Amino acid sequence: MEVNAKEFSNDEITVTYDPCKCVLSGICAKELSNVFSKSIIPWINLDNTETQRIINQIKRCPSGALKYHLNKKIQAS
């Protein structure tokens, strides 16, 4: 695990951000501003759109600073 990585989660997805890799292109904030913000803290709000839209945007990250994994829901027996 990278020391400077940041993690953001909701029930469906966890997004990690590595500021050491980020090239500050701003693509995430320009194309999905209701999730990724340049001026609001926390700057990633995963509750503002569908999970698939977040995944699609992360795949467009030119530096690879944004990564994700889907959270497994525990089902009661």
C-alpha atoms as a PDB file:
ATOM      1  CA  MET A   1       0.000   0.000   0.000  1.00  0.00           C
ATOM      2  CA  GLU A   2       1.285   3.404  -0.914  1.00  0.00           C
ATOM      3  CA  VAL A   3       1.907   5.786   1.968  1.00  0.00           C
ATOM      4  CA  ASN A   4       0.310   8.880   0.404  1.00  0.00           C
ATOM      5  CA  ALA A   5      -2.782   7.172  -1.045  1.00  0.00           C
ATOM      6  CA  LYS A   6      -6.171   8.563  -0.033  1.00  0.00           C
ATOM      7  CA  GLU A   7      -9.289   6.389   0.176  1.00  0.00           C
ATOM      8  CA  PHE A   8     -12.970   7.236  -0.339  1.00  0.00           C
ATOM      9  CA  SER A   9     -15.795   4.700   0.029  1.00  0.00           C
ATOM     10  CA  ASN A  10     -19.520   4.206  -0.083  1.00  0.00           C
ATOM     11  CA  ASP A  11     -21.563   0.990   0.055  1.00  0.00           C
ATOM     12  CA  GLU A  12     -20.713  -0.005  -3.526  1.00  0.00           C
ATOM     13  CA  ILE A  13     -17.214   1.237  -4.353  1.00  0.00           C
ATOM     14  CA  THR A  14     -13.901   2.305  -2.841  1.00  0.00           C
ATOM     15  CA  VAL A  15     -11.778   4.821  -4.737  1.00  0.00           C
ATOM     16  CA  THR A  16      -8.125   5.429  -3.956  1.00  0.00           C
ATOM     17  CA  TYR A  17      -6.146   8.483  -4.977  1.00  0.00           C
ATOM     18  CA  ASP A  18      -2.353   8.631  -5.054  1.00  0.00           C
ATOM     19  CA  PRO A  19      -1.260  12.294  -5.110  1.00  0.00           C
ATOM     20  CA  CYS A  20       2.321  11.266  -5.978  1.00  0.00           C
ATOM     21  CA  LYS A  21       1.106   9.889  -9.324  1.00  0.00           C
ATOM     22  CA  CYS A  22      -1.387  12.647 -10.164  1.00  0.00           C
ATOM     23  CA  VAL A  23      -0.399  14.922 -13.054  1.00  0.00           C
ATOM     24  CA  LEU A  24      -3.186  17.399 -12.197  1.00  0.00           C
ATOM     25  CA  SER A  25      -4.791  17.199 -15.639  1.00  0.00           C
ATOM     26  CA  GLY A  26      -8.177  17.954 -14.077  1.00  0.00           C
ATOM     27  CA  ILE A  27     -10.000  15.525 -16.375  1.00  0.00           C
ATOM     28  CA  CYS A  28     -11.864  13.990 -13.442  1.00  0.00           C
ATOM     29  CA  ALA A  29     -13.180  17.348 -12.183  1.00  0.00           C
ATOM     30  CA  LYS A  30     -13.972  18.671 -15.662  1.00  0.00           C
ATOM     31  CA  GLU A  31     -15.862  15.605 -16.855  1.00  0.00           C
ATOM     32  CA  LEU A  32     -17.549  14.462 -13.620  1.00  0.00           C
ATOM     33  CA  SER A  33     -17.658  17.562 -11.430  1.00  0.00           C
ATOM     34  CA  ASN A  34     -20.519  16.287  -9.267  1.00  0.00           C
ATOM     35  CA  VAL A  35     -18.121  13.612  -7.911  1.00  0.00           C
ATOM     36  CA  PHE A  36     -14.623  15.100  -8.277  1.00  0.00           C
ATOM     37  CA  SER A  37     -14.095  18.675  -7.081  1.00  0.00           C
ATOM     38  CA  LYS A  38     -11.128  21.026  -7.112  1.00  0.00           C
ATOM     39  CA  SER A  39     -12.472  23.207  -4.311  1.00  0.00           C
ATOM     40  CA  ILE A  40     -14.661  21.167  -1.941  1.00  0.00           C
ATOM     41  CA  ILE A  41     -13.331  18.948   0.832  1.00  0.00           C
ATOM     42  CA  PRO A  42     -13.635  15.998   0.679  1.00  0.00           C
ATOM     43  CA  TRP A  43     -12.879  16.412  -3.007  1.00  0.00           C
ATOM     44  CA  ILE A  44     -14.353  13.024  -3.968  1.00  0.00           C
ATOM     45  CA  ASN A  45     -18.050  12.486  -3.180  1.00  0.00           C
ATOM     46  CA  LEU A  46     -19.090   9.031  -4.356  1.00  0.00           C
ATOM     47  CA  ASP A  47     -22.754   9.547  -3.495  1.00  0.00           C
ATOM     48  CA  ASN A  48     -23.384  12.113  -6.241  1.00  0.00           C
ATOM     49  CA  THR A  49     -23.762   9.724  -9.207  1.00  0.00           C
ATOM     50  CA  GLU A  50     -24.032   6.093 -10.246  1.00  0.00           C
ATOM     51  CA  THR A  51     -21.112   3.762  -9.550  1.00  0.00           C
ATOM     52  CA  GLN A  52     -20.669   2.879 -13.226  1.00  0.00           C
ATOM     53  CA  ARG A  53     -20.154   6.553 -14.136  1.00  0.00           C
ATOM     54  CA  ILE A  54     -17.445   6.799 -11.454  1.00  0.00           C
ATOM     55  CA  ILE A  55     -15.732   3.681 -12.813  1.00  0.00           C
ATOM     56  CA  ASN A  56     -15.850   5.015 -16.365  1.00  0.00           C
ATOM     57  CA  GLN A  57     -14.260   8.303 -15.246  1.00  0.00           C
ATOM     58  CA  ILE A  58     -11.516   6.587 -13.246  1.00  0.00           C
ATOM     59  CA  LYS A  59     -10.608   4.584 -16.348  1.00  0.00           C
ATOM     60  CA  ARG A  60      -9.964   7.915 -18.126  1.00  0.00           C
ATOM     61  CA  CYS A  61      -7.397   9.067 -15.528  1.00  0.00           C
ATOM     62  CA  PRO A  62      -4.209   9.659 -17.565  1.00  0.00           C
ATOM     63  CA  SER A  63      -1.779   9.122 -14.682  1.00  0.00           C
ATOM     64  CA  GLY A  64      -3.358   6.144 -12.951  1.00  0.00           C
ATOM     65  CA  ALA A  65      -3.611   8.127  -9.720  1.00  0.00           C
ATOM     66  CA  LEU A  66      -7.251   7.099  -9.349  1.00  0.00           C
ATOM     67  CA  LYS A  67      -8.065   3.421  -8.807  1.00  0.00           C
ATOM     68  CA  TYR A  68     -11.173   1.600  -7.595  1.00  0.00           C
ATOM     69  CA  HIS A  69     -12.520  -1.685  -6.351  1.00  0.00           C
ATOM     70  CA  LEU A  70     -16.080  -2.804  -5.799  1.00  0.00           C
ATOM     71  CA  ASN A  71     -17.062  -3.518  -2.218  1.00  0.00           C
ATOM     72  CA  LYS A  72     -18.514  -6.925  -1.456  1.00  0.00           C
ATOM     73  CA  LYS A  73     -21.817  -6.869   0.345  1.00  0.00           C
ATOM     74  CA  ILE A  74     -22.133  -9.412   3.128  1.00  0.00           C
ATOM     75  CA  GLN A  75     -25.355 -11.356   2.854  1.00  0.00           C
ATOM     76  CA  ALA A  76     -27.082 -12.675   5.948  1.00  0.00           C
ATOM     77  CA  SER A  77     -27.480 -16.453   6.087  1.00  0.00           C
END
